[in-house]
Amino acid sequence: QVQLEESGGGLVQAGGSLTLSCVASGSIFTLDHMAWYRQPPGKQRELVAEVTSGGETKYAESVKGRFTISMGKGQRSVSLQMRSLKPEDTAVYYCKTDDPYLLTTTGRGYWGQGTQVTVFS
């Protein structure tokens, strides 16, 4: 089993910055994939950014140039630096891993519980 715990959410004024963190624990050594998703009020969950242990990153168009995802050196954590925040960034942000080894051995990815980010104008 793998547990993901997010932190760093909160209330921020538009134009401000916030950094989210996610730490993995449980029956793992390292992770080769980690990602951030978000679910705005009344909308579906969407991919925000993802990163691999090889350093490959992918971003949603709406956050390119404003958000930066990075994996921790121990490959058991991931952060999301968010700058120039907009009210439309308001959402519950979730950490997820689709680590290939976990997908093969457990048949599933793992989600965190989520952390609320609220951007007010």
PDB file of N, CA and C in Angstrom:
ATOM      1  N   GLN A   1       0.832  -1.194   0.000  1.00  0.00           N
ATOM      2  CA  GLN A   1       0.000   0.000   0.000  1.00  0.00           C
ATOM      3  C   GLN A   1       0.863   1.239   0.000  1.00  0.00           C
ATOM      4  N   VAL A   2       0.333   2.259  -0.658  1.00  0.00           N
ATOM      5  CA  VAL A   2       1.037   3.533  -0.738  1.00  0.00           C
ATOM      6  C   VAL A   2       0.090   4.624  -0.252  1.00  0.00           C
ATOM      7  N   GLN A   3       0.608   5.508   0.556  1.00  0.00           N
ATOM      8  CA  GLN A   3      -0.166   6.650   1.010  1.00  0.00           C
ATOM      9  C   GLN A   3       0.490   7.927   0.495  1.00  0.00           C
ATOM     10  N   LEU A   4      -0.342   8.838   0.021  1.00  0.00           N
ATOM     11  CA  LEU A   4       0.121  10.138  -0.445  1.00  0.00           C
ATOM     12  C   LEU A   4      -0.532  11.212   0.415  1.00  0.00           C
ATOM     13  N   GLU A   5       0.269  12.118   0.920  1.00  0.00           N
ATOM     14  CA  GLU A   5      -0.263  13.175   1.771  1.00  0.00           C
ATOM     15  C   GLU A   5       0.142  14.532   1.235  1.00  0.00           C
ATOM     16  N   GLU A   6      -0.860  15.340   0.913  1.00  0.00           N
ATOM     17  CA  GLU A   6      -0.615  16.684   0.402  1.00  0.00           C
ATOM     18  C   GLU A   6      -0.607  17.699   1.536  1.00  0.00           C
ATOM     19  N   SER A   7       0.067  18.807   1.282  1.00  0.00           N
ATOM     20  CA  SER A   7       0.064  19.934   2.203  1.00  0.00           C
ATOM     21  C   SER A   7       0.337  21.201   1.415  1.00  0.00           C
ATOM     22  N   GLY A   8       0.051  22.333   2.047  1.00  0.00           N
ATOM     23  CA  GLY A   8       0.396  23.605   1.428  1.00  0.00           C
ATOM     24  C   GLY A   8      -0.756  24.386   0.839  1.00  0.00           C
ATOM     25  N   GLY A   9      -1.942  23.807   0.838  1.00  0.00           N
ATOM     26  CA  GLY A   9      -3.085  24.534   0.302  1.00  0.00           C
ATOM     27  C   GLY A   9      -3.455  25.705   1.195  1.00  0.00           C
ATOM     28  N   GLY A  10      -4.337  26.563   0.696  1.00  0.00           N
ATOM     29  CA  GLY A  10      -4.770  27.693   1.501  1.00  0.00           C
ATOM     30  C   GLY A  10      -5.479  28.732   0.689  1.00  0.00           C
ATOM     31  N   LEU A  11      -5.588  29.902   1.287  1.00  0.00           N
ATOM     32  CA  LEU A  11      -6.273  31.038   0.686  1.00  0.00           C
ATOM     33  C   LEU A  11      -5.230  32.042   0.225  1.00  0.00           C
ATOM     34  N   VAL A  12      -5.339  32.487  -1.010  1.00  0.00           N
ATOM     35  CA  VAL A  12      -4.335  33.413  -1.544  1.00  0.00           C
ATOM     36  C   VAL A  12      -5.010  34.414  -2.474  1.00  0.00           C
ATOM     37  N   GLN A  13      -4.490  35.607  -2.501  1.00  0.00           N
ATOM     38  CA  GLN A  13      -5.043  36.629  -3.377  1.00  0.00           C
ATOM     39  C   GLN A  13      -4.570  36.395  -4.814  1.00  0.00           C
ATOM     40  N   ALA A  14      -5.385  36.769  -5.769  1.00  0.00           N
ATOM     41  CA  ALA A  14      -5.017  36.651  -7.170  1.00  0.00           C
ATOM     42  C   ALA A  14      -3.690  37.357  -7.426  1.00  0.00           C
ATOM     43  N   GLY A  15      -2.843  36.694  -8.197  1.00  0.00           N
ATOM     44  CA  GLY A  15      -1.511  37.215  -8.462  1.00  0.00           C
ATOM     45  C   GLY A  15      -0.462  36.682  -7.514  1.00  0.00           C
ATOM     46  N   GLY A  16      -0.911  36.036  -6.468  1.00  0.00           N
ATOM     47  CA  GLY A  16      -0.001  35.506  -5.474  1.00  0.00           C
ATOM     48  C   GLY A  16       0.551  34.144  -5.829  1.00  0.00           C
ATOM     49  N   SER A  17       1.296  33.591  -4.882  1.00  0.00           N
ATOM     50  CA  SER A  17       1.959  32.304  -5.097  1.00  0.00           C
ATOM     51  C   SER A  17       1.656  31.345  -3.961  1.00  0.00           C
ATOM     52  N   LEU A  18       1.784  30.088  -4.276  1.00  0.00           N
ATOM     53  CA  LEU A  18       1.567  29.033  -3.286  1.00  0.00           C
ATOM     54  C   LEU A  18       2.337  27.808  -3.746  1.00  0.00           C
ATOM     55  N   THR A  19       2.874  27.056  -2.806  1.00  0.00           N
ATOM     56  CA  THR A  19       3.570  25.821  -3.150  1.00  0.00           C
ATOM     57  C   THR A  19       2.911  24.647  -2.442  1.00  0.00           C
ATOM     58  N   LEU A  20       2.525  23.661  -3.213  1.00  0.00           N
ATOM     59  CA  LEU A  20       1.955  22.432  -2.683  1.00  0.00           C
ATOM     60  C   LEU A  20       3.031  21.352  -2.595  1.00  0.00           C
ATOM     61  N   SER A  21       2.915  20.527  -1.582  1.00  0.00           N
ATOM     62  CA  SER A  21       3.842  19.411  -1.428  1.00  0.00           C
ATOM     63  C   SER A  21       3.066  18.126  -1.239  1.00  0.00           C
ATOM     64  N   CYS A  22       3.672  17.037  -1.667  1.00  0.00           N
ATOM     65  CA  CYS A  22       3.054  15.722  -1.515  1.00  0.00           C
ATOM     66  C   CYS A  22       4.166  14.737  -1.164  1.00  0.00           C
ATOM     67  N   VAL A  23       3.943  13.984  -0.103  1.00  0.00           N
ATOM     68  CA  VAL A  23       4.932  13.008   0.336  1.00  0.00           C
ATOM     69  C   VAL A  23       4.309  11.626   0.309  1.00  0.00           C
ATOM     70  N   ALA A  24       5.054  10.674  -0.232  1.00  0.00           N
ATOM     71  CA  ALA A  24       4.594   9.296  -0.308  1.00  0.00           C
ATOM     72  C   ALA A  24       5.182   8.468   0.814  1.00  0.00           C
ATOM     73  N   SER A  25       4.392   7.544   1.314  1.00  0.00           N
ATOM     74  CA  SER A  25       4.869   6.620   2.338  1.00  0.00           C
ATOM     75  C   SER A  25       4.236   5.259   2.093  1.00  0.00           C
ATOM     76  N   GLY A  26       4.767   4.249   2.765  1.00  0.00           N
ATOM     77  CA  GLY A  26       4.209   2.906   2.601  1.00  0.00           C
ATOM     78  C   GLY A  26       5.206   1.971   1.955  1.00  0.00           C
ATOM     79  N   SER A  27       4.668   0.998   1.255  1.00  0.00           N
ATOM     80  CA  SER A  27       5.485  -0.086   0.714  1.00  0.00           C
ATOM     81  C   SER A  27       6.116   0.303  -0.617  1.00  0.00           C
ATOM     82  N   ILE A  28       6.935   1.316  -0.581  1.00  0.00           N
ATOM     83  CA  ILE A  28       7.614   1.752  -1.797  1.00  0.00           C
ATOM     84  C   ILE A  28       9.037   2.168  -1.457  1.00  0.00           C
ATOM     85  N   PHE A  29       9.892   2.130  -2.451  1.00  0.00           N
ATOM     86  CA  PHE A  29      11.234   2.694  -2.287  1.00  0.00           C
ATOM     87  C   PHE A  29      11.301   4.038  -2.994  1.00  0.00           C
ATOM     88  N   THR A  30      11.005   4.016  -4.278  1.00  0.00           N
ATOM     89  CA  THR A  30      10.976   5.249  -5.051  1.00  0.00           C
ATOM     90  C   THR A  30       9.801   5.185  -6.023  1.00  0.00           C
ATOM     91  N   LEU A  31       9.444   6.329  -6.539  1.00  0.00           N
ATOM     92  CA  LEU A  31       8.380   6.421  -7.522  1.00  0.00           C
ATOM     93  C   LEU A  31       8.929   6.997  -8.813  1.00  0.00           C
ATOM     94  N   ASP A  32       8.505   6.478  -9.920  1.00  0.00           N
ATOM     95  CA  ASP A  32       8.962   6.964 -11.221  1.00  0.00           C
ATOM     96  C   ASP A  32       7.969   7.917 -11.882  1.00  0.00           C
ATOM     97  N   HIS A  33       6.843   8.124 -11.251  1.00  0.00           N
ATOM     98  CA  HIS A  33       5.852   9.045 -11.789  1.00  0.00           C
ATOM     99  C   HIS A  33       5.063   9.657 -10.644  1.00  0.00           C
ATOM    100  N   MET A  34       4.864  10.972 -10.718  1.00  0.00           N
ATOM    101  CA  MET A  34       3.982  11.647  -9.787  1.00  0.00           C
ATOM    102  C   MET A  34       3.284  12.779 -10.523  1.00  0.00           C
ATOM    103  N   ALA A  35       2.113  13.131 -10.052  1.00  0.00           N
ATOM    104  CA  ALA A  35       1.326  14.134 -10.768  1.00  0.00           C
ATOM    105  C   ALA A  35       0.448  14.916  -9.810  1.00  0.00           C
ATOM    106  N   TRP A  36       0.008  16.060 -10.290  1.00  0.00           N
ATOM    107  CA  TRP A  36      -0.991  16.861  -9.590  1.00  0.00           C
ATOM    108  C   TRP A  36      -2.229  16.977 -10.479  1.00  0.00           C
ATOM    109  N   TYR A  37      -3.365  16.743  -9.882  1.00  0.00           N
ATOM    110  CA  TYR A  37      -4.654  16.951 -10.522  1.00  0.00           C
ATOM    111  C   TYR A  37      -5.405  17.997  -9.697  1.00  0.00           C
ATOM    112  N   ARG A  38      -6.453  18.549 -10.281  1.00  0.00           N
ATOM    113  CA  ARG A  38      -7.309  19.444  -9.518  1.00  0.00           C
ATOM    114  C   ARG A  38      -8.758  19.261  -9.941  1.00  0.00           C
ATOM    115  N   GLN A  39      -9.633  19.583  -9.002  1.00  0.00           N
ATOM    116  CA  GLN A  39     -11.059  19.504  -9.278  1.00  0.00           C
ATOM    117  C   GLN A  39     -11.714  20.800  -8.817  1.00  0.00           C
ATOM    118  N   PRO A  40     -12.013  21.686  -9.783  1.00  0.00           N
ATOM    119  CA  PRO A  40     -12.713  22.929  -9.431  1.00  0.00           C
ATOM    120  C   PRO A  40     -14.138  22.635  -8.981  1.00  0.00           C
ATOM    121  N   PRO A  41     -14.749  23.543  -8.278  1.00  0.00           N
ATOM    122  CA  PRO A  41     -16.127  23.321  -7.817  1.00  0.00           C
ATOM    123  C   PRO A  41     -17.068  23.035  -8.971  1.00  0.00           C
ATOM    124  N   GLY A  42     -17.797  21.944  -8.877  1.00  0.00           N
ATOM    125  CA  GLY A  42     -18.779  21.599  -9.892  1.00  0.00           C
ATOM    126  C   GLY A  42     -18.217  21.093 -11.204  1.00  0.00           C
ATOM    127  N   LYS A  43     -16.919  20.824 -11.240  1.00  0.00           N
ATOM    128  CA  LYS A  43     -16.302  20.377 -12.480  1.00  0.00           C
ATOM    129  C   LYS A  43     -15.582  19.055 -12.270  1.00  0.00           C
ATOM    130  N   GLN A  44     -15.144  18.485 -13.379  1.00  0.00           N
ATOM    131  CA  GLN A  44     -14.437  17.208 -13.304  1.00  0.00           C
ATOM    132  C   GLN A  44     -12.976  17.410 -12.925  1.00  0.00           C
ATOM    133  N   ARG A  45     -12.399  16.371 -12.393  1.00  0.00           N
ATOM    134  CA  ARG A  45     -10.982  16.395 -12.052  1.00  0.00           C
ATOM    135  C   ARG A  45     -10.162  16.447 -13.331  1.00  0.00           C
ATOM    136  N   GLU A  46      -9.092  17.242 -13.311  1.00  0.00           N
ATOM    137  CA  GLU A  46      -8.253  17.401 -14.492  1.00  0.00           C
ATOM    138  C   GLU A  46      -6.784  17.356 -14.125  1.00  0.00           C
ATOM    139  N   LEU A  47      -5.980  16.917 -15.083  1.00  0.00           N
ATOM    140  CA  LEU A  47      -4.540  16.877 -14.879  1.00  0.00           C
ATOM    141  C   LEU A  47      -3.984  18.290 -14.903  1.00  0.00           C
ATOM    142  N   VAL A  48      -3.150  18.609 -13.919  1.00  0.00           N
ATOM    143  CA  VAL A  48      -2.482  19.908 -13.871  1.00  0.00           C
ATOM    144  C   VAL A  48      -1.051  19.773 -14.392  1.00  0.00           C
ATOM    145  N   ALA A  49      -0.329  18.803 -13.838  1.00  0.00           N
ATOM    146  CA  ALA A  49       1.062  18.602 -14.236  1.00  0.00           C
ATOM    147  C   ALA A  49       1.514  17.227 -13.779  1.00  0.00           C
ATOM    148  N   GLU A  50       2.476  16.681 -14.488  1.00  0.00           N
ATOM    149  CA  GLU A  50       3.054  15.408 -14.095  1.00  0.00           C
ATOM    150  C   GLU A  50       4.542  15.408 -14.378  1.00  0.00           C
ATOM    151  N   VAL A  51       5.242  14.542 -13.644  1.00  0.00           N
ATOM    152  CA  VAL A  51       6.694  14.480 -13.765  1.00  0.00           C
ATOM    153  C   VAL A  51       7.137  13.034 -13.601  1.00  0.00           C
ATOM    154  N   THR A  52       8.202  12.675 -14.317  1.00  0.00           N
ATOM    155  CA  THR A  52       8.782  11.350 -14.184  1.00  0.00           C
ATOM    156  C   THR A  52      10.143  11.453 -13.501  1.00  0.00           C
ATOM    157  N   SER A  53      10.648  10.327 -13.058  1.00  0.00           N
ATOM    158  CA  SER A  53      11.948  10.327 -12.405  1.00  0.00           C
ATOM    159  C   SER A  53      13.046  10.715 -13.383  1.00  0.00           C
ATOM    160  N   GLY A  54      12.761  10.578 -14.680  1.00  0.00           N
ATOM    161  CA  GLY A  54      13.727  10.993 -15.688  1.00  0.00           C
ATOM    162  C   GLY A  54      13.713  12.480 -15.971  1.00  0.00           C
ATOM    163  N   GLY A  55      12.819  13.189 -15.292  1.00  0.00           N
ATOM    164  CA  GLY A  55      12.775  14.633 -15.455  1.00  0.00           C
ATOM    165  C   GLY A  55      11.801  15.136 -16.500  1.00  0.00           C
ATOM    166  N   GLU A  56      11.066  14.245 -17.117  1.00  0.00           N
ATOM    167  CA  GLU A  56      10.086  14.685 -18.117  1.00  0.00           C
ATOM    168  C   GLU A  56       8.887  15.293 -17.404  1.00  0.00           C
ATOM    169  N   THR A  57       8.419  16.397 -17.923  1.00  0.00           N
ATOM    170  CA  THR A  57       7.264  17.077 -17.333  1.00  0.00           C
ATOM    171  C   THR A  57       6.203  17.341 -18.391  1.00  0.00           C
ATOM    172  N   LYS A  58       4.987  17.462 -17.908  1.00  0.00           N
ATOM    173  CA  LYS A  58       3.860  17.776 -18.790  1.00  0.00           C
ATOM    174  C   LYS A  58       2.931  18.675 -18.004  1.00  0.00           C
ATOM    175  N   TYR A  59       2.408  19.726 -18.679  1.00  0.00           N
ATOM    176  CA  TYR A  59       1.535  20.685 -18.019  1.00  0.00           C
ATOM    177  C   TYR A  59       0.246  20.886 -18.799  1.00  0.00           C
ATOM    178  N   ALA A  60      -0.808  21.182 -18.077  1.00  0.00           N
ATOM    179  CA  ALA A  60      -2.031  21.631 -18.730  1.00  0.00           C
ATOM    180  C   ALA A  60      -1.766  23.000 -19.338  1.00  0.00           C
ATOM    181  N   GLU A  61      -2.399  23.271 -20.467  1.00  0.00           N
ATOM    182  CA  GLU A  61      -2.182  24.556 -21.141  1.00  0.00           C
ATOM    183  C   GLU A  61      -2.495  25.734 -20.226  1.00  0.00           C
ATOM    184  N   SER A  62      -3.484  25.578 -19.389  1.00  0.00           N
ATOM    185  CA  SER A  62      -3.941  26.682 -18.547  1.00  0.00           C
ATOM    186  C   SER A  62      -2.934  27.086 -17.466  1.00  0.00           C
ATOM    187  N   VAL A  63      -1.943  26.225 -17.206  1.00  0.00           N
ATOM    188  CA  VAL A  63      -0.981  26.543 -16.143  1.00  0.00           C
ATOM    189  C   VAL A  63       0.444  26.692 -16.657  1.00  0.00           C
ATOM    190  N   LYS A  64       0.664  26.448 -17.928  1.00  0.00           N
ATOM    191  CA  LYS A  64       2.020  26.553 -18.486  1.00  0.00           C
ATOM    192  C   LYS A  64       2.587  27.947 -18.251  1.00  0.00           C
ATOM    193  N   GLY A  65       3.831  27.979 -17.801  1.00  0.00           N
ATOM    194  CA  GLY A  65       4.483  29.255 -17.545  1.00  0.00           C
ATOM    195  C   GLY A  65       4.194  29.825 -16.167  1.00  0.00           C
ATOM    196  N   ARG A  66       3.220  29.249 -15.473  1.00  0.00           N
ATOM    197  CA  ARG A  66       2.874  29.743 -14.130  1.00  0.00           C
ATOM    198  C   ARG A  66       3.167  28.713 -13.048  1.00  0.00           C
ATOM    199  N   PHE A  67       3.013  27.432 -13.379  1.00  0.00           N
ATOM    200  CA  PHE A  67       3.208  26.353 -12.412  1.00  0.00           C
ATOM    201  C   PHE A  67       4.469  25.571 -12.758  1.00  0.00           C
ATOM    202  N   THR A  68       5.143  25.077 -11.727  1.00  0.00           N
ATOM    203  CA  THR A  68       6.326  24.248 -11.922  1.00  0.00           C
ATOM    204  C   THR A  68       6.218  23.018 -11.022  1.00  0.00           C
ATOM    205  N   ILE A  69       6.319  21.845 -11.636  1.00  0.00           N
ATOM    206  CA  ILE A  69       6.284  20.597 -10.874  1.00  0.00           C
ATOM    207  C   ILE A  69       7.703  20.074 -10.761  1.00  0.00           C
ATOM    208  N   SER A  70       8.019  19.531  -9.595  1.00  0.00           N
ATOM    209  CA  SER A  70       9.347  18.947  -9.426  1.00  0.00           C
ATOM    210  C   SER A  70       9.264  17.791  -8.446  1.00  0.00           C
ATOM    211  N   MET A  71      10.043  16.782  -8.748  1.00  0.00           N
ATOM    212  CA  MET A  71      10.080  15.601  -7.904  1.00  0.00           C
ATOM    213  C   MET A  71      11.231  15.734  -6.925  1.00  0.00           C
ATOM    214  N   GLY A  72      11.018  15.278  -5.690  1.00  0.00           N
ATOM    215  CA  GLY A  72      12.074  15.345  -4.703  1.00  0.00           C
ATOM    216  C   GLY A  72      13.212  14.402  -5.036  1.00  0.00           C
ATOM    217  N   LYS A  73      14.403  14.674  -4.495  1.00  0.00           N
ATOM    218  CA  LYS A  73      15.596  13.881  -4.821  1.00  0.00           C
ATOM    219  C   LYS A  73      15.423  12.417  -4.445  1.00  0.00           C
ATOM    220  N   GLY A  74      14.688  12.127  -3.431  1.00  0.00           N
ATOM    221  CA  GLY A  74      14.477  10.752  -3.014  1.00  0.00           C
ATOM    222  C   GLY A  74      13.393  10.040  -3.793  1.00  0.00           C
ATOM    223  N   GLN A  75      12.792  10.746  -4.747  1.00  0.00           N
ATOM    224  CA  GLN A  75      11.721  10.207  -5.575  1.00  0.00           C
ATOM    225  C   GLN A  75      10.566   9.654  -4.742  1.00  0.00           C
ATOM    226  N   ARG A  76      10.297  10.330  -3.627  1.00  0.00           N
ATOM    227  CA  ARG A  76       9.142   9.959  -2.819  1.00  0.00           C
ATOM    228  C   ARG A  76       8.307  11.188  -2.505  1.00  0.00           C
ATOM    229  N   SER A  77       8.570  12.264  -3.197  1.00  0.00           N
ATOM    230  CA  SER A  77       7.807  13.476  -2.962  1.00  0.00           C
ATOM    231  C   SER A  77       7.729  14.296  -4.244  1.00  0.00           C
ATOM    232  N   VAL A  78       6.776  15.178  -4.278  1.00  0.00           N
ATOM    233  CA  VAL A  78       6.611  16.057  -5.431  1.00  0.00           C
ATOM    234  C   VAL A  78       6.061  17.389  -4.936  1.00  0.00           C
ATOM    235  N   SER A  79       6.479  18.456  -5.575  1.00  0.00           N
ATOM    236  CA  SER A  79       5.957  19.773  -5.222  1.00  0.00           C
ATOM    237  C   SER A  79       5.369  20.441  -6.452  1.00  0.00           C
ATOM    238  N   LEU A  80       4.518  21.397  -6.214  1.00  0.00           N
ATOM    239  CA  LEU A  80       3.925  22.180  -7.298  1.00  0.00           C
ATOM    240  C   LEU A  80       4.015  23.649  -6.893  1.00  0.00           C
ATOM    241  N   GLN A  81       4.907  24.371  -7.552  1.00  0.00           N
ATOM    242  CA  GLN A  81       5.026  25.806  -7.319  1.00  0.00           C
ATOM    243  C   GLN A  81       4.034  26.508  -8.223  1.00  0.00           C
ATOM    244  N   MET A  82       3.169  27.296  -7.606  1.00  0.00           N
ATOM    245  CA  MET A  82       2.121  27.976  -8.365  1.00  0.00           C
ATOM    246  C   MET A  82       2.315  29.486  -8.228  1.00  0.00           C
ATOM    247  N   ARG A  83       2.443  30.153  -9.361  1.00  0.00           N
ATOM    248  CA  ARG A  83       2.648  31.600  -9.369  1.00  0.00           C
ATOM    249  C   ARG A  83       1.546  32.257 -10.185  1.00  0.00           C
ATOM    250  N   SER A  84       1.424  33.561 -10.021  1.00  0.00           N
ATOM    251  CA  SER A  84       0.417  34.326 -10.777  1.00  0.00           C
ATOM    252  C   SER A  84      -0.941  33.641 -10.716  1.00  0.00           C
ATOM    253  N   LEU A  85      -1.332  33.286  -9.533  1.00  0.00           N
ATOM    254  CA  LEU A  85      -2.574  32.540  -9.365  1.00  0.00           C
ATOM    255  C   LEU A  85      -3.789  33.363  -9.751  1.00  0.00           C
ATOM    256  N   LYS A  86      -4.783  32.670 -10.305  1.00  0.00           N
ATOM    257  CA  LYS A  86      -6.016  33.288 -10.768  1.00  0.00           C
ATOM    258  C   LYS A  86      -7.200  32.671 -10.024  1.00  0.00           C
ATOM    259  N   PRO A  87      -8.290  33.370  -9.940  1.00  0.00           N
ATOM    260  CA  PRO A  87      -9.471  32.784  -9.288  1.00  0.00           C
ATOM    261  C   PRO A  87      -9.881  31.448  -9.904  1.00  0.00           C
ATOM    262  N   GLU A  88      -9.654  31.291 -11.198  1.00  0.00           N
ATOM    263  CA  GLU A  88     -10.021  30.033 -11.839  1.00  0.00           C
ATOM    264  C   GLU A  88      -9.098  28.878 -11.473  1.00  0.00           C
ATOM    265  N   ASP A  89      -8.036  29.156 -10.735  1.00  0.00           N
ATOM    266  CA  ASP A  89      -7.190  28.081 -10.206  1.00  0.00           C
ATOM    267  C   ASP A  89      -7.770  27.486  -8.924  1.00  0.00           C
ATOM    268  N   THR A  90      -8.831  28.091  -8.421  1.00  0.00           N
ATOM    269  CA  THR A  90      -9.471  27.580  -7.219  1.00  0.00           C
ATOM    270  C   THR A  90      -9.965  26.156  -7.446  1.00  0.00           C
ATOM    271  N   ALA A  91      -9.538  25.252  -6.564  1.00  0.00           N
ATOM    272  CA  ALA A  91      -9.886  23.842  -6.722  1.00  0.00           C
ATOM    273  C   ALA A  91      -9.336  23.048  -5.539  1.00  0.00           C
ATOM    274  N   VAL A  92      -9.754  21.812  -5.465  1.00  0.00           N
ATOM    275  CA  VAL A  92      -9.081  20.862  -4.587  1.00  0.00           C
ATOM    276  C   VAL A  92      -7.977  20.221  -5.428  1.00  0.00           C
ATOM    277  N   TYR A  93      -6.774  20.272  -4.925  1.00  0.00           N
ATOM    278  CA  TYR A  93      -5.622  19.743  -5.642  1.00  0.00           C
ATOM    279  C   TYR A  93      -5.243  18.385  -5.057  1.00  0.00           C
ATOM    280  N   TYR A  94      -5.088  17.420  -5.959  1.00  0.00           N
ATOM    281  CA  TYR A  94      -4.786  16.051  -5.566  1.00  0.00           C
ATOM    282  C   TYR A  94      -3.440  15.608  -6.111  1.00  0.00           C
ATOM    283  N   CYS A  95      -2.714  14.899  -5.302  1.00  0.00           N
ATOM    284  CA  CYS A  95      -1.480  14.256  -5.712  1.00  0.00           C
ATOM    285  C   CYS A  95      -1.817  12.839  -6.166  1.00  0.00           C
ATOM    286  N   LYS A  96      -1.132  12.386  -7.197  1.00  0.00           N
ATOM    287  CA  LYS A  96      -1.369  11.035  -7.672  1.00  0.00           C
ATOM    288  C   LYS A  96      -0.074  10.420  -8.170  1.00  0.00           C
ATOM    289  N   THR A  97       0.037   9.113  -8.050  1.00  0.00           N
ATOM    290  CA  THR A  97       1.128   8.407  -8.691  1.00  0.00           C
ATOM    291  C   THR A  97       0.572   7.292  -9.563  1.00  0.00           C
ATOM    292  N   ASP A  98       1.089   7.212 -10.768  1.00  0.00           N
ATOM    293  CA  ASP A  98       0.850   6.088 -11.683  1.00  0.00           C
ATOM    294  C   ASP A  98       2.191   5.407 -11.940  1.00  0.00           C
ATOM    295  N   ASP A  99       2.897   5.164 -10.848  1.00  0.00           N
ATOM    296  CA  ASP A  99       4.189   4.508 -10.971  1.00  0.00           C
ATOM    297  C   ASP A  99       4.039   3.174 -11.691  1.00  0.00           C
ATOM    298  N   PRO A 100       4.850   2.932 -12.716  1.00  0.00           N
ATOM    299  CA  PRO A 100       4.710   1.702 -13.507  1.00  0.00           C
ATOM    300  C   PRO A 100       4.799   0.421 -12.679  1.00  0.00           C
ATOM    301  N   TYR A 101       5.690   0.411 -11.682  1.00  0.00           N
ATOM    302  CA  TYR A 101       5.823  -0.797 -10.853  1.00  0.00           C
ATOM    303  C   TYR A 101       4.546  -1.039 -10.061  1.00  0.00           C
ATOM    304  N   LEU A 102       3.983   0.031  -9.510  1.00  0.00           N
ATOM    305  CA  LEU A 102       2.746  -0.104  -8.733  1.00  0.00           C
ATOM    306  C   LEU A 102       1.584  -0.519  -9.634  1.00  0.00           C
ATOM    307  N   LEU A 103       1.535   0.055 -10.823  1.00  0.00           N
ATOM    308  CA  LEU A 103       0.467  -0.322 -11.746  1.00  0.00           C
ATOM    309  C   LEU A 103       0.558  -1.805 -12.095  1.00  0.00           C
ATOM    310  N   THR A 104       1.761  -2.296 -12.253  1.00  0.00           N
ATOM    311  CA  THR A 104       1.955  -3.700 -12.612  1.00  0.00           C
ATOM    312  C   THR A 104       1.625  -4.627 -11.444  1.00  0.00           C
ATOM    313  N   THR A 105       2.063  -4.256 -10.261  1.00  0.00           N
ATOM    314  CA  THR A 105       1.918  -5.162  -9.113  1.00  0.00           C
ATOM    315  C   THR A 105       0.590  -5.022  -8.387  1.00  0.00           C
ATOM    316  N   THR A 106      -0.008  -3.830  -8.420  1.00  0.00           N
ATOM    317  CA  THR A 106      -1.269  -3.634  -7.705  1.00  0.00           C
ATOM    318  C   THR A 106      -2.450  -3.349  -8.631  1.00  0.00           C
ATOM    319  N   GLY A 107      -2.146  -3.032  -9.878  1.00  0.00           N
ATOM    320  CA  GLY A 107      -3.207  -2.760 -10.835  1.00  0.00           C
ATOM    321  C   GLY A 107      -3.858  -1.409 -10.692  1.00  0.00           C
ATOM    322  N   ARG A 108      -3.246  -0.516  -9.959  1.00  0.00           N
ATOM    323  CA  ARG A 108      -3.904   0.775  -9.734  1.00  0.00           C
ATOM    324  C   ARG A 108      -2.887   1.861  -9.446  1.00  0.00           C
ATOM    325  N   GLY A 109      -3.344   3.107  -9.666  1.00  0.00           N
ATOM    326  CA  GLY A 109      -2.589   4.252  -9.215  1.00  0.00           C
ATOM    327  C   GLY A 109      -3.077   4.622  -7.825  1.00  0.00           C
ATOM    328  N   TYR A 110      -2.421   5.611  -7.214  1.00  0.00           N
ATOM    329  CA  TYR A 110      -2.799   6.005  -5.856  1.00  0.00           C
ATOM    330  C   TYR A 110      -3.021   7.511  -5.789  1.00  0.00           C
ATOM    331  N   TRP A 111      -4.022   7.894  -5.015  1.00  0.00           N
ATOM    332  CA  TRP A 111      -4.393   9.300  -4.853  1.00  0.00           C
ATOM    333  C   TRP A 111      -4.190   9.754  -3.417  1.00  0.00           C
ATOM    334  N   GLY A 112      -3.884  11.033  -3.268  1.00  0.00           N
ATOM    335  CA  GLY A 112      -3.926  11.644  -1.962  1.00  0.00           C
ATOM    336  C   GLY A 112      -5.339  12.092  -1.652  1.00  0.00           C
ATOM    337  N   GLN A 113      -5.526  12.661  -0.460  1.00  0.00           N
ATOM    338  CA  GLN A 113      -6.852  13.094  -0.017  1.00  0.00           C
ATOM    339  C   GLN A 113      -7.235  14.455  -0.578  1.00  0.00           C
ATOM    340  N   GLY A 114      -6.260  15.204  -1.026  1.00  0.00           N
ATOM    341  CA  GLY A 114      -6.542  16.517  -1.601  1.00  0.00           C
ATOM    342  C   GLY A 114      -6.295  17.658  -0.632  1.00  0.00           C
ATOM    343  N   THR A 115      -5.980  18.811  -1.192  1.00  0.00           N
ATOM    344  CA  THR A 115      -5.792  20.024  -0.401  1.00  0.00           C
ATOM    345  C   THR A 115      -6.467  21.178  -1.136  1.00  0.00           C
ATOM    346  N   GLN A 116      -7.172  22.002  -0.410  1.00  0.00           N
ATOM    347  CA  GLN A 116      -7.951  23.076  -1.011  1.00  0.00           C
ATOM    348  C   GLN A 116      -7.074  24.287  -1.302  1.00  0.00           C
ATOM    349  N   VAL A 117      -7.212  24.804  -2.504  1.00  0.00           N
ATOM    350  CA  VAL A 117      -6.586  26.076  -2.893  1.00  0.00           C
ATOM    351  C   VAL A 117      -7.705  27.021  -3.307  1.00  0.00           C
ATOM    352  N   THR A 118      -7.753  28.154  -2.659  1.00  0.00           N
ATOM    353  CA  THR A 118      -8.769  29.162  -2.978  1.00  0.00           C
ATOM    354  C   THR A 118      -8.079  30.463  -3.327  1.00  0.00           C
ATOM    355  N   VAL A 119      -8.357  30.963  -4.522  1.00  0.00           N
ATOM    356  CA  VAL A 119      -7.763  32.223  -4.997  1.00  0.00           C
ATOM    357  C   VAL A 119      -8.871  33.255  -5.088  1.00  0.00           C
ATOM    358  N   PHE A 120      -8.716  34.357  -4.367  1.00  0.00           N
ATOM    359  CA  PHE A 120      -9.740  35.396  -4.378  1.00  0.00           C
ATOM    360  C   PHE A 120      -9.203  36.647  -5.065  1.00  0.00           C
ATOM    361  N   SER A 121     -10.121  37.375  -5.672  1.00  0.00           N
ATOM    362  CA  SER A 121      -9.720  38.587  -6.400  1.00  0.00           C
ATOM    363  C   SER A 121      -9.970  39.831  -5.565  1.00  0.00           C
TER     364      SER A 121
END
